[in-house]
């Protein structure tokens, strides 16, 4: 599947918010898995999310666990 597994563990750890979005960043991995990511001082906060379409207008979002407690590999496996 092209475009899947775009993230690396290092990128999850070192990502900084874009200047226009001072406090949060959206890190997609492909395959409907992403990490909304924010910083509080030097601390990185976020939770892996999986989006699933359940029909024409239904969109479900499942939390897979907080980063860094849940690794990128564990989130991919849970997806």
Protein backbone atom coordinates (compact mmCIF):
# COMPACT_ATOMS: atom_id res chain seq x y z
CA UNK A 1 0.00 0.00 0.00
CA UNK A 2 1.73 3.24 -1.08
CA UNK A 3 2.05 6.02 1.46
CA UNK A 4 1.73 3.79 4.49
CA UNK A 5 4.25 3.83 7.38
CA UNK A 6 5.44 7.40 6.82
CA UNK A 7 6.34 7.90 10.47
CA UNK A 8 9.39 6.71 12.33
CA UNK A 9 9.79 6.43 16.08
CA UNK A 10 12.44 9.16 15.96
CA UNK A 11 10.09 11.54 14.13
CA UNK A 12 7.40 10.97 16.77
CA UNK A 13 9.88 11.88 19.52
CA UNK A 14 11.42 14.95 17.91
CA UNK A 15 8.52 16.57 16.01
CA UNK A 16 8.00 20.25 16.72
CA UNK A 17 4.79 22.17 16.04
CA UNK A 18 4.78 24.25 12.87
CA UNK A 19 5.20 27.99 13.53
CA UNK A 20 1.64 28.77 12.46
CA UNK A 21 0.33 26.05 14.82
CA UNK A 22 2.22 26.97 17.93
CA UNK A 23 1.07 24.17 20.20
CA UNK A 24 0.04 21.16 18.12
CA UNK A 25 1.09 19.10 15.12
CA UNK A 26 -0.73 16.37 13.19
CA UNK A 27 1.56 13.46 12.21
CA UNK A 28 -0.06 11.00 9.74
CA UNK A 29 1.36 7.49 9.31
CA UNK A 30 -0.94 6.33 6.52
CA UNK A 31 -3.56 3.62 6.71
CA UNK A 32 -5.81 5.94 8.80
CA UNK A 33 -3.35 6.01 11.72
CA UNK A 34 -2.11 9.34 13.02
CA UNK A 35 -0.61 11.03 16.05
CA UNK A 36 -2.02 14.40 17.07
CA UNK A 37 0.94 15.77 18.92
CA UNK A 38 1.40 18.74 21.21
CA UNK A 39 4.11 20.00 23.48
CA UNK A 40 3.94 21.45 26.96
CA UNK A 41 7.35 22.96 27.57
CA UNK A 42 9.76 20.17 26.69
CA UNK A 43 7.22 17.39 27.32
CA UNK A 44 5.65 15.69 24.27
CA UNK A 45 2.00 14.73 24.66
CA UNK A 46 -0.23 12.84 22.25
CA UNK A 47 -2.32 9.78 21.65
CA UNK A 48 -2.35 7.54 18.59
CA UNK A 49 -5.68 7.62 16.76
CA UNK A 50 -7.24 5.38 14.13
CA UNK A 51 -10.02 6.62 11.88
CA UNK A 52 -12.45 4.16 10.41
CA UNK A 53 -15.25 4.75 7.93
CA UNK A 54 -18.40 2.88 8.87
CA UNK A 55 -20.55 3.85 5.92
CA UNK A 56 -21.24 6.81 3.72
CA UNK A 57 -21.35 9.42 6.49
CA UNK A 58 -20.09 7.61 9.56
CA UNK A 59 -16.57 8.21 10.79
CA UNK A 60 -15.31 6.59 13.96
CA UNK A 61 -12.13 7.54 15.72
CA UNK A 62 -10.50 5.07 18.09
CA UNK A 63 -7.79 5.97 20.61
CA UNK A 64 -4.95 3.44 20.61
CA UNK A 65 -3.01 4.79 23.57
CA UNK A 66 -0.86 7.68 24.64
CA UNK A 67 2.59 8.40 23.29
CA UNK A 68 5.28 7.55 24.54
CA UNK A 69 3.54 4.84 26.61
CA UNK A 70 2.45 3.13 23.40
CA UNK A 71 5.14 2.81 20.76
CA UNK A 72 4.61 3.37 17.04
CA UNK A 73 5.01 -0.36 16.37
CA UNK A 74 2.36 -1.22 18.99
CA UNK A 75 -0.06 1.34 17.51
CA UNK A 76 0.45 -0.11 14.02
CA UNK A 77 -0.22 -3.60 15.33
CA UNK A 78 -3.35 -2.47 17.20
CA UNK A 79 -4.63 -0.77 14.06
